[in-house]
Amino acid sequence: MGTSTVVQAVAAVVALGSYFLPAILADRRKRHDVLTLALFNACLGWTGFGWLAALYWALQPNPPKDVAVEVLQTRRTVTMRSFSVALVQRVQNRASRNKNGR
């Protein structure tokens, strides 16, 4: 095996490593969606924009595991808070009407 073959093999490994760097980083950072990110990287990484988007995605923090449940809990909390504020306002209005009416 000649020197040029070794150089070409090393260059190929470095090129593949660079190409899949976003997927490798996502795996090292234990992202939940590493397979989706790796597929995105494999399909669109050849465009400069696709590679940069995959790299940006890989460097983001992990999303919540169940976004739907978190959204429902947040809505429920906001709804209960709004209800509580409206109830307190109604009680205060009644109390002031009763106080002024007597």
PDB file of N, CA and C in Angstrom:
ATOM      1  N   MET A   1       0.851  -1.170   0.000  1.00  0.00           N
ATOM      2  CA  MET A   1       0.000   0.000   0.000  1.00  0.00           C
ATOM      3  C   MET A   1       0.898   1.234   0.000  1.00  0.00           C
ATOM      4  N   GLY A   2       0.670   2.125  -0.959  1.00  0.00           N
ATOM      5  CA  GLY A   2       1.523   3.293  -1.107  1.00  0.00           C
ATOM      6  C   GLY A   2       1.122   4.427  -0.181  1.00  0.00           C
ATOM      7  N   THR A   3       2.001   5.393  -0.119  1.00  0.00           N
ATOM      8  CA  THR A   3       1.763   6.566   0.727  1.00  0.00           C
ATOM      9  C   THR A   3       0.524   7.318   0.284  1.00  0.00           C
ATOM     10  N   SER A   4       0.307   7.401  -1.022  1.00  0.00           N
ATOM     11  CA  SER A   4      -0.846   8.157  -1.512  1.00  0.00           C
ATOM     12  C   SER A   4      -2.156   7.469  -1.129  1.00  0.00           C
ATOM     13  N   THR A   5      -2.180   6.148  -1.073  1.00  0.00           N
ATOM     14  CA  THR A   5      -3.380   5.419  -0.668  1.00  0.00           C
ATOM     15  C   THR A   5      -3.687   5.681   0.800  1.00  0.00           C
ATOM     16  N   VAL A   6      -2.674   5.697   1.637  1.00  0.00           N
ATOM     17  CA  VAL A   6      -2.863   5.980   3.063  1.00  0.00           C
ATOM     18  C   VAL A   6      -3.383   7.405   3.244  1.00  0.00           C
ATOM     19  N   VAL A   7      -2.809   8.341   2.515  1.00  0.00           N
ATOM     20  CA  VAL A   7      -3.249   9.736   2.600  1.00  0.00           C
ATOM     21  C   VAL A   7      -4.698   9.861   2.157  1.00  0.00           C
ATOM     22  N   GLN A   8      -5.049   9.163   1.078  1.00  0.00           N
ATOM     23  CA  GLN A   8      -6.432   9.205   0.596  1.00  0.00           C
ATOM     24  C   GLN A   8      -7.390   8.581   1.604  1.00  0.00           C
ATOM     25  N   ALA A   9      -6.989   7.500   2.243  1.00  0.00           N
ATOM     26  CA  ALA A   9      -7.838   6.851   3.248  1.00  0.00           C
ATOM     27  C   ALA A   9      -8.047   7.774   4.443  1.00  0.00           C
ATOM     28  N   VAL A  10      -6.972   8.405   4.891  1.00  0.00           N
ATOM     29  CA  VAL A  10      -7.080   9.343   6.018  1.00  0.00           C
ATOM     30  C   VAL A  10      -7.963  10.525   5.622  1.00  0.00           C
ATOM     31  N   ALA A  11      -7.798  11.041   4.412  1.00  0.00           N
ATOM     32  CA  ALA A  11      -8.610  12.169   3.941  1.00  0.00           C
ATOM     33  C   ALA A  11     -10.077  11.776   3.863  1.00  0.00           C
ATOM     34  N   ALA A  12     -10.366  10.556   3.442  1.00  0.00           N
ATOM     35  CA  ALA A  12     -11.752  10.093   3.360  1.00  0.00           C
ATOM     36  C   ALA A  12     -12.379   9.994   4.752  1.00  0.00           C
ATOM     37  N   VAL A  13     -11.631   9.486   5.709  1.00  0.00           N
ATOM     38  CA  VAL A  13     -12.137   9.378   7.091  1.00  0.00           C
ATOM     39  C   VAL A  13     -12.387  10.769   7.669  1.00  0.00           C
ATOM     40  N   VAL A  14     -11.466  11.695   7.436  1.00  0.00           N
ATOM     41  CA  VAL A  14     -11.626  13.069   7.933  1.00  0.00           C
ATOM     42  C   VAL A  14     -12.830  13.731   7.258  1.00  0.00           C
ATOM     43  N   ALA A  15     -13.012  13.528   5.958  1.00  0.00           N
ATOM     44  CA  ALA A  15     -14.140  14.112   5.240  1.00  0.00           C
ATOM     45  C   ALA A  15     -15.463  13.565   5.762  1.00  0.00           C
ATOM     46  N   LEU A  16     -15.553  12.250   5.962  1.00  0.00           N
ATOM     47  CA  LEU A  16     -16.785  11.665   6.508  1.00  0.00           C
ATOM     48  C   LEU A  16     -17.050  12.148   7.929  1.00  0.00           C
ATOM     49  N   GLY A  17     -15.999  12.229   8.713  1.00  0.00           N
ATOM     50  CA  GLY A  17     -16.157  12.732  10.077  1.00  0.00           C
ATOM     51  C   GLY A  17     -16.644  14.171  10.095  1.00  0.00           C
ATOM     52  N   SER A  18     -16.109  14.983   9.209  1.00  0.00           N
ATOM     53  CA  SER A  18     -16.546  16.381   9.117  1.00  0.00           C
ATOM     54  C   SER A  18     -17.986  16.471   8.632  1.00  0.00           C
ATOM     55  N   TYR A  19     -18.324  15.644   7.646  1.00  0.00           N
ATOM     56  CA  TYR A  19     -19.680  15.662   7.082  1.00  0.00           C
ATOM     57  C   TYR A  19     -20.712  15.284   8.143  1.00  0.00           C
ATOM     58  N   PHE A  20     -20.401  14.273   8.938  1.00  0.00           N
ATOM     59  CA  PHE A  20     -21.341  13.796   9.958  1.00  0.00           C
ATOM     60  C   PHE A  20     -21.070  14.387  11.334  1.00  0.00           C
ATOM     61  N   LEU A  21     -20.315  15.458  11.409  1.00  0.00           N
ATOM     62  CA  LEU A  21     -20.033  16.109  12.692  1.00  0.00           C
ATOM     63  C   LEU A  21     -21.306  16.478  13.459  1.00  0.00           C
ATOM     64  N   PRO A  22     -22.335  17.066  12.816  1.00  0.00           N
ATOM     65  CA  PRO A  22     -23.557  17.364  13.577  1.00  0.00           C
ATOM     66  C   PRO A  22     -24.192  16.117  14.202  1.00  0.00           C
ATOM     67  N   ALA A  23     -24.239  15.016  13.469  1.00  0.00           N
ATOM     68  CA  ALA A  23     -24.814  13.783  14.006  1.00  0.00           C
ATOM     69  C   ALA A  23     -23.960  13.225  15.143  1.00  0.00           C
ATOM     70  N   ILE A  24     -22.650  13.316  14.999  1.00  0.00           N
ATOM     71  CA  ILE A  24     -21.744  12.838  16.049  1.00  0.00           C
ATOM     72  C   ILE A  24     -21.919  13.676  17.314  1.00  0.00           C
ATOM     73  N   LEU A  25     -22.004  15.001  17.162  1.00  0.00           N
ATOM     74  CA  LEU A  25     -22.212  15.869  18.324  1.00  0.00           C
ATOM     75  C   LEU A  25     -23.552  15.586  18.992  1.00  0.00           C
ATOM     76  N   ALA A  26     -24.590  15.381  18.189  1.00  0.00           N
ATOM     77  CA  ALA A  26     -25.914  15.081  18.748  1.00  0.00           C
ATOM     78  C   ALA A  26     -25.880  13.781  19.551  1.00  0.00           C
ATOM     79  N   ASP A  27     -25.168  12.790  19.038  1.00  0.00           N
ATOM     80  CA  ASP A  27     -25.050  11.522  19.756  1.00  0.00           C
ATOM     81  C   ASP A  27     -24.278  11.705  21.061  1.00  0.00           C
ATOM     82  N   ARG A  28     -23.191  12.454  21.016  1.00  0.00           N
ATOM     83  CA  ARG A  28     -22.387  12.702  22.228  1.00  0.00           C
ATOM     84  C   ARG A  28     -23.165  13.504  23.269  1.00  0.00           C
ATOM     85  N   ARG A  29     -24.065  14.376  22.799  1.00  0.00           N
ATOM     86  CA  ARG A  29     -24.838  15.209  23.719  1.00  0.00           C
ATOM     87  C   ARG A  29     -26.124  14.517  24.173  1.00  0.00           C
ATOM     88  N   LYS A  30     -26.303  13.261  23.751  1.00  0.00           N
ATOM     89  CA  LYS A  30     -27.446  12.425  24.161  1.00  0.00           C
ATOM     90  C   LYS A  30     -28.787  13.053  23.787  1.00  0.00           C
ATOM     91  N   ARG A  31     -28.865  13.576  22.561  1.00  0.00           N
ATOM     92  CA  ARG A  31     -30.135  14.143  22.095  1.00  0.00           C
ATOM     93  C   ARG A  31     -31.138  13.016  21.872  1.00  0.00           C
ATOM     94  N   HIS A  32     -32.406  13.300  22.181  1.00  0.00           N
ATOM     95  CA  HIS A  32     -33.454  12.292  22.015  1.00  0.00           C
ATOM     96  C   HIS A  32     -33.763  12.053  20.538  1.00  0.00           C
ATOM     97  N   ASP A  33     -33.546  13.043  19.698  1.00  0.00           N
ATOM     98  CA  ASP A  33     -33.901  12.949  18.286  1.00  0.00           C
ATOM     99  C   ASP A  33     -32.668  12.776  17.399  1.00  0.00           C
ATOM    100  N   VAL A  34     -31.682  12.034  17.886  1.00  0.00           N
ATOM    101  CA  VAL A  34     -30.416  11.883  17.155  1.00  0.00           C
ATOM    102  C   VAL A  34     -30.614  11.187  15.813  1.00  0.00           C
ATOM    103  N   LEU A  35     -31.539  10.230  15.724  1.00  0.00           N
ATOM    104  CA  LEU A  35     -31.754   9.532  14.458  1.00  0.00           C
ATOM    105  C   LEU A  35     -32.336  10.487  13.414  1.00  0.00           C
ATOM    106  N   THR A  36     -33.304  11.280  13.793  1.00  0.00           N
ATOM    107  CA  THR A  36     -33.888  12.255  12.876  1.00  0.00           C
ATOM    108  C   THR A  36     -32.837  13.258  12.424  1.00  0.00           C
ATOM    109  N   LEU A  37     -32.040  13.713  13.368  1.00  0.00           N
ATOM    110  CA  LEU A  37     -30.988  14.667  13.033  1.00  0.00           C
ATOM    111  C   LEU A  37     -29.953  14.038  12.111  1.00  0.00           C
ATOM    112  N   ALA A  38     -29.587  12.796  12.358  1.00  0.00           N
ATOM    113  CA  ALA A  38     -28.603  12.119  11.509  1.00  0.00           C
ATOM    114  C   ALA A  38     -29.146  11.919  10.091  1.00  0.00           C
ATOM    115  N   LEU A  39     -30.422  11.585   9.974  1.00  0.00           N
ATOM    116  CA  LEU A  39     -31.026  11.448   8.647  1.00  0.00           C
ATOM    117  C   LEU A  39     -31.075  12.780   7.917  1.00  0.00           C
ATOM    118  N   PHE A  40     -31.425  13.833   8.643  1.00  0.00           N
ATOM    119  CA  PHE A  40     -31.423  15.177   8.061  1.00  0.00           C
ATOM    120  C   PHE A  40     -30.021  15.533   7.590  1.00  0.00           C
ATOM    121  N   ASN A  41     -29.043  15.257   8.426  1.00  0.00           N
ATOM    122  CA  ASN A  41     -27.646  15.536   8.090  1.00  0.00           C
ATOM    123  C   ASN A  41     -27.202  14.742   6.865  1.00  0.00           C
ATOM    124  N   ALA A  42     -27.589  13.465   6.801  1.00  0.00           N
ATOM    125  CA  ALA A  42     -27.194  12.624   5.672  1.00  0.00           C
ATOM    126  C   ALA A  42     -27.841  13.087   4.372  1.00  0.00           C
ATOM    127  N   CYS A  43     -29.102  13.505   4.453  1.00  0.00           N
ATOM    128  CA  CYS A  43     -29.829  13.898   3.232  1.00  0.00           C
ATOM    129  C   CYS A  43     -29.523  15.318   2.768  1.00  0.00           C
ATOM    130  N   LEU A  44     -29.386  16.242   3.707  1.00  0.00           N
ATOM    131  CA  LEU A  44     -29.231  17.652   3.330  1.00  0.00           C
ATOM    132  C   LEU A  44     -27.891  18.257   3.718  1.00  0.00           C
ATOM    133  N   GLY A  45     -27.018  17.449   4.303  1.00  0.00           N
ATOM    134  CA  GLY A  45     -25.727  17.971   4.731  1.00  0.00           C
ATOM    135  C   GLY A  45     -24.831  18.396   3.585  1.00  0.00           C
ATOM    136  N   TRP A  46     -25.058  17.855   2.396  1.00  0.00           N
ATOM    137  CA  TRP A  46     -24.227  18.207   1.243  1.00  0.00           C
ATOM    138  C   TRP A  46     -24.418  19.662   0.844  1.00  0.00           C
ATOM    139  N   THR A  47     -25.591  20.235   1.184  1.00  0.00           N
ATOM    140  CA  THR A  47     -25.761  21.672   0.961  1.00  0.00           C
ATOM    141  C   THR A  47     -25.120  22.356   2.159  1.00  0.00           C
ATOM    142  N   GLY A  48     -24.506  23.432   1.979  1.00  0.00           N
ATOM    143  CA  GLY A  48     -23.888  24.126   3.111  1.00  0.00           C
ATOM    144  C   GLY A  48     -24.913  24.515   4.156  1.00  0.00           C
ATOM    145  N   PHE A  49     -26.087  24.950   3.682  1.00  0.00           N
ATOM    146  CA  PHE A  49     -27.148  25.357   4.603  1.00  0.00           C
ATOM    147  C   PHE A  49     -27.652  24.173   5.429  1.00  0.00           C
ATOM    148  N   GLY A  50     -27.827  23.014   4.785  1.00  0.00           N
ATOM    149  CA  GLY A  50     -28.292  21.821   5.500  1.00  0.00           C
ATOM    150  C   GLY A  50     -27.322  21.393   6.580  1.00  0.00           C
ATOM    151  N   TRP A  51     -26.021  21.468   6.287  1.00  0.00           N
ATOM    152  CA  TRP A  51     -25.010  21.095   7.276  1.00  0.00           C
ATOM    153  C   TRP A  51     -25.024  22.070   8.444  1.00  0.00           C
ATOM    154  N   LEU A  52     -25.119  23.375   8.145  1.00  0.00           N
ATOM    155  CA  LEU A  52     -25.165  24.381   9.222  1.00  0.00           C
ATOM    156  C   LEU A  52     -26.430  24.244  10.056  1.00  0.00           C
ATOM    157  N   ALA A  53     -27.555  23.960   9.399  1.00  0.00           N
ATOM    158  CA  ALA A  53     -28.812  23.761  10.135  1.00  0.00           C
ATOM    159  C   ALA A  53     -28.710  22.540  11.047  1.00  0.00           C
ATOM    160  N   ALA A  54     -28.120  21.459  10.549  1.00  0.00           N
ATOM    161  CA  ALA A  54     -27.951  20.255  11.368  1.00  0.00           C
ATOM    162  C   ALA A  54     -27.012  20.525  12.541  1.00  0.00           C
ATOM    163  N   LEU A  55     -25.962  21.291  12.298  1.00  0.00           N
ATOM    164  CA  LEU A  55     -25.034  21.635  13.382  1.00  0.00           C
ATOM    165  C   LEU A  55     -25.725  22.484  14.442  1.00  0.00           C
ATOM    166  N   TYR A  56     -26.499  23.467  14.005  1.00  0.00           N
ATOM    167  CA  TYR A  56     -27.258  24.311  14.945  1.00  0.00           C
ATOM    168  C   TYR A  56     -28.228  23.454  15.759  1.00  0.00           C
ATOM    169  N   TRP A  57     -28.935  22.563  15.082  1.00  0.00           N
ATOM    170  CA  TRP A  57     -29.893  21.670  15.721  1.00  0.00           C
ATOM    171  C   TRP A  57     -29.184  20.778  16.744  1.00  0.00           C
ATOM    172  N   ALA A  58     -28.029  20.262  16.392  1.00  0.00           N
ATOM    173  CA  ALA A  58     -27.292  19.366  17.292  1.00  0.00           C
ATOM    174  C   ALA A  58     -26.827  20.083  18.549  1.00  0.00           C
ATOM    175  N   LEU A  59     -26.583  21.383  18.452  1.00  0.00           N
ATOM    176  CA  LEU A  59     -26.072  22.135  19.594  1.00  0.00           C
ATOM    177  C   LEU A  59     -27.171  22.691  20.491  1.00  0.00           C
ATOM    178  N   GLN A  60     -28.438  22.520  20.105  1.00  0.00           N
ATOM    179  CA  GLN A  60     -29.550  22.983  20.931  1.00  0.00           C
ATOM    180  C   GLN A  60     -29.768  22.030  22.097  1.00  0.00           C
ATOM    181  N   PRO A  61     -30.345  22.526  23.200  1.00  0.00           N
ATOM    182  CA  PRO A  61     -30.632  21.618  24.322  1.00  0.00           C
ATOM    183  C   PRO A  61     -31.743  20.631  23.946  1.00  0.00           C
ATOM    184  N   ASN A  62     -31.804  19.535  24.659  1.00  0.00           N
ATOM    185  CA  ASN A  62     -32.827  18.522  24.403  1.00  0.00           C
ATOM    186  C   ASN A  62     -34.211  19.115  24.593  1.00  0.00           C
ATOM    187  N   PRO A  63     -35.145  18.802  23.689  1.00  0.00           N
ATOM    188  CA  PRO A  63     -36.523  19.238  23.887  1.00  0.00           C
ATOM    189  C   PRO A  63     -37.162  18.398  24.984  1.00  0.00           C
ATOM    190  N   PRO A  64     -38.259  18.872  25.571  1.00  0.00           N
ATOM    191  CA  PRO A  64     -38.954  18.034  26.555  1.00  0.00           C
ATOM    192  C   PRO A  64     -39.384  16.727  25.892  1.00  0.00           C
ATOM    193  N   LYS A  65     -39.409  15.654  26.667  1.00  0.00           N
ATOM    194  CA  LYS A  65     -39.728  14.352  26.097  1.00  0.00           C
ATOM    195  C   LYS A  65     -41.155  14.303  25.568  1.00  0.00           C
ATOM    196  N   ASP A  66     -42.088  14.895  26.293  1.00  0.00           N
ATOM    197  CA  ASP A  66     -43.484  14.874  25.847  1.00  0.00           C
ATOM    198  C   ASP A  66     -44.009  16.303  25.827  1.00  0.00           C
ATOM    199  N   VAL A  67     -43.874  16.939  24.694  1.00  0.00           N
ATOM    200  CA  VAL A  67     -44.252  18.343  24.558  1.00  0.00           C
ATOM    201  C   VAL A  67     -45.757  18.513  24.730  1.00  0.00           C
ATOM    202  N   ALA A  68     -46.557  17.576  24.236  1.00  0.00           N
ATOM    203  CA  ALA A  68     -48.011  17.696  24.307  1.00  0.00           C
ATOM    204  C   ALA A  68     -48.481  17.760  25.761  1.00  0.00           C
ATOM    205  N   VAL A  69     -47.945  16.909  26.604  1.00  0.00           N
ATOM    206  CA  VAL A  69     -48.338  16.912  28.015  1.00  0.00           C
ATOM    207  C   VAL A  69     -47.919  18.225  28.677  1.00  0.00           C
ATOM    208  N   GLU A  70     -46.724  18.706  28.343  1.00  0.00           N
ATOM    209  CA  GLU A  70     -46.254  19.964  28.913  1.00  0.00           C
ATOM    210  C   GLU A  70     -47.133  21.136  28.482  1.00  0.00           C
ATOM    211  N   VAL A  71     -47.565  21.136  27.235  1.00  0.00           N
ATOM    212  CA  VAL A  71     -48.450  22.200  26.744  1.00  0.00           C
ATOM    213  C   VAL A  71     -49.784  22.150  27.476  1.00  0.00           C
ATOM    214  N   LEU A  72     -50.342  20.955  27.639  1.00  0.00           N
ATOM    215  CA  LEU A  72     -51.616  20.824  28.348  1.00  0.00           C
ATOM    216  C   LEU A  72     -51.494  21.272  29.797  1.00  0.00           C
ATOM    217  N   GLN A  73     -50.394  20.926  30.458  1.00  0.00           N
ATOM    218  CA  GLN A  73     -50.203  21.349  31.845  1.00  0.00           C
ATOM    219  C   GLN A  73     -50.074  22.868  31.943  1.00  0.00           C
ATOM    220  N   THR A  74     -49.365  23.469  30.989  1.00  0.00           N
ATOM    221  CA  THR A  74     -49.212  24.917  30.988  1.00  0.00           C
ATOM    222  C   THR A  74     -50.553  25.596  30.757  1.00  0.00           C
ATOM    223  N   ARG A  75     -51.321  25.076  29.807  1.00  0.00           N
ATOM    224  CA  ARG A  75     -52.660  25.642  29.560  1.00  0.00           C
ATOM    225  C   ARG A  75     -53.533  25.533  30.793  1.00  0.00           C
ATOM    226  N   ARG A  76     -53.489  24.376  31.440  1.00  0.00           N
ATOM    227  CA  ARG A  76     -54.308  24.162  32.636  1.00  0.00           C
ATOM    228  C   ARG A  76     -53.899  25.146  33.738  1.00  0.00           C
ATOM    229  N   THR A  77     -52.608  25.350  33.908  1.00  0.00           N
ATOM    230  CA  THR A  77     -52.124  26.286  34.916  1.00  0.00           C
ATOM    231  C   THR A  77     -52.582  27.705  34.609  1.00  0.00           C
ATOM    232  N   VAL A  78     -52.459  28.109  33.354  1.00  0.00           N
ATOM    233  CA  VAL A  78     -52.884  29.463  32.956  1.00  0.00           C
ATOM    234  C   VAL A  78     -54.386  29.617  33.128  1.00  0.00           C
ATOM    235  N   THR A  79     -55.147  28.590  32.751  1.00  0.00           N
ATOM    236  CA  THR A  79     -56.601  28.645  32.883  1.00  0.00           C
ATOM    237  C   THR A  79     -56.999  28.753  34.350  1.00  0.00           C
ATOM    238  N   MET A  80     -56.375  27.957  35.202  1.00  0.00           N
ATOM    239  CA  MET A  80     -56.701  28.013  36.632  1.00  0.00           C
ATOM    240  C   MET A  80     -56.318  29.364  37.229  1.00  0.00           C
ATOM    241  N   ARG A  81     -55.187  29.913  36.797  1.00  0.00           N
ATOM    242  CA  ARG A  81     -54.764  31.220  37.295  1.00  0.00           C
ATOM    243  C   ARG A  81     -55.760  32.294  36.864  1.00  0.00           C
ATOM    244  N   SER A  82     -56.190  32.248  35.605  1.00  0.00           N
ATOM    245  CA  SER A  82     -57.169  33.216  35.103  1.00  0.00           C
ATOM    246  C   SER A  82     -58.484  33.079  35.847  1.00  0.00           C
ATOM    247  N   PHE A  83     -58.913  31.839  36.078  1.00  0.00           N
ATOM    248  CA  PHE A  83     -60.147  31.602  36.816  1.00  0.00           C
ATOM    249  C   PHE A  83     -60.044  32.151  38.233  1.00  0.00           C
ATOM    250  N   SER A  84     -58.915  31.914  38.888  1.00  0.00           N
ATOM    251  CA  SER A  84     -58.725  32.390  40.253  1.00  0.00           C
ATOM    252  C   SER A  84     -58.748  33.910  40.319  1.00  0.00           C
ATOM    253  N   VAL A  85     -58.070  34.547  39.376  1.00  0.00           N
ATOM    254  CA  VAL A  85     -58.055  36.012  39.354  1.00  0.00           C
ATOM    255  C   VAL A  85     -59.466  36.549  39.123  1.00  0.00           C
ATOM    256  N   ALA A  86     -60.211  35.946  38.200  1.00  0.00           N
ATOM    257  CA  ALA A  86     -61.583  36.390  37.919  1.00  0.00           C
ATOM    258  C   ALA A  86     -62.483  36.165  39.127  1.00  0.00           C
ATOM    259  N   LEU A  87     -62.316  35.050  39.826  1.00  0.00           N
ATOM    260  CA  LEU A  87     -63.119  34.758  41.005  1.00  0.00           C
ATOM    261  C   LEU A  87     -62.843  35.762  42.123  1.00  0.00           C
ATOM    262  N   VAL A  88     -61.584  36.061  42.364  1.00  0.00           N
ATOM    263  CA  VAL A  88     -61.233  37.043  43.385  1.00  0.00           C
ATOM    264  C   VAL A  88     -61.812  38.403  43.027  1.00  0.00           C
ATOM    265  N   GLN A  89     -61.721  38.789  41.761  1.00  0.00           N
ATOM    266  CA  GLN A  89     -62.264  40.074  41.319  1.00  0.00           C
ATOM    267  C   GLN A  89     -63.782  40.120  41.530  1.00  0.00           C
ATOM    268  N   ARG A  90     -64.454  39.022  41.221  1.00  0.00           N
ATOM    269  CA  ARG A  90     -65.916  38.973  41.395  1.00  0.00           C
ATOM    270  C   ARG A  90     -66.295  39.078  42.868  1.00  0.00           C
ATOM    271  N   VAL A  91     -65.573  38.383  43.730  1.00  0.00           N
ATOM    272  CA  VAL A  91     -65.854  38.449  45.166  1.00  0.00           C
ATOM    273  C   VAL A  91     -65.610  39.867  45.684  1.00  0.00           C
ATOM    274  N   GLN A  92     -64.520  40.496  45.226  1.00  0.00           N
ATOM    275  CA  GLN A  92     -64.237  41.869  45.657  1.00  0.00           C
ATOM    276  C   GLN A  92     -65.310  42.837  45.161  1.00  0.00           C
ATOM    277  N   ASN A  93     -65.778  42.658  43.949  1.00  0.00           N
ATOM    278  CA  ASN A  93     -66.843  43.516  43.414  1.00  0.00           C
ATOM    279  C   ASN A  93     -68.124  43.348  44.214  1.00  0.00           C
ATOM    280  N   ARG A  94     -68.480  42.107  44.535  1.00  0.00           N
ATOM    281  CA  ARG A  94     -69.676  41.864  45.351  1.00  0.00           C
ATOM    282  C   ARG A  94     -69.539  42.482  46.734  1.00  0.00           C
ATOM    283  N   ALA A  95     -68.364  42.313  47.314  1.00  0.00           N
ATOM    284  CA  ALA A  95     -68.151  42.854  48.656  1.00  0.00           C
ATOM    285  C   ALA A  95     -68.265  44.375  48.634  1.00  0.00           C
ATOM    286  N   SER A  96     -67.722  45.033  47.616  1.00  0.00           N
ATOM    287  CA  SER A  96     -67.788  46.484  47.556  1.00  0.00           C
ATOM    288  C   SER A  96     -69.220  46.941  47.273  1.00  0.00           C
ATOM    289  N   ARG A  97     -69.994  46.181  46.466  1.00  0.00           N
ATOM    290  CA  ARG A  97     -71.403  46.542  46.215  1.00  0.00           C
ATOM    291  C   ARG A  97     -72.229  46.402  47.483  1.00  0.00           C
ATOM    292  N   ASN A  98     -71.994  45.312  48.233  1.00  0.00           N
ATOM    293  CA  ASN A  98     -72.722  45.112  49.484  1.00  0.00           C
ATOM    294  C   ASN A  98     -72.365  46.174  50.506  1.00  0.00           C
ATOM    295  N   LYS A  99     -71.110  46.574  50.528  1.00  0.00           N
ATOM    296  CA  LYS A  99     -70.647  47.600  51.474  1.00  0.00           C
ATOM    297  C   LYS A  99     -71.249  48.954  51.138  1.00  0.00           C
ATOM    298  N   ASN A 100     -71.274  49.287  49.851  1.00  0.00           N
ATOM    299  CA  ASN A 100     -71.810  50.578  49.408  1.00  0.00           C
ATOM    300  C   ASN A 100     -73.322  50.580  49.408  1.00  0.00           C
ATOM    301  N   GLY A 101     -73.962  49.443  49.261  1.00  0.00           N
ATOM    302  CA  GLY A 101     -75.416  49.345  49.212  1.00  0.00           C
ATOM    303  C   GLY A 101     -76.065  49.447  50.565  1.00  0.00           C
ATOM    304  N   ARG A 102     -75.348  49.213  51.613  1.00  0.00           N
ATOM    305  CA  ARG A 102     -75.936  49.229  52.973  1.00  0.00           C
ATOM    306  C   ARG A 102     -75.986  50.583  53.551  1.00  0.00           C
TER     307      ARG A 102
END
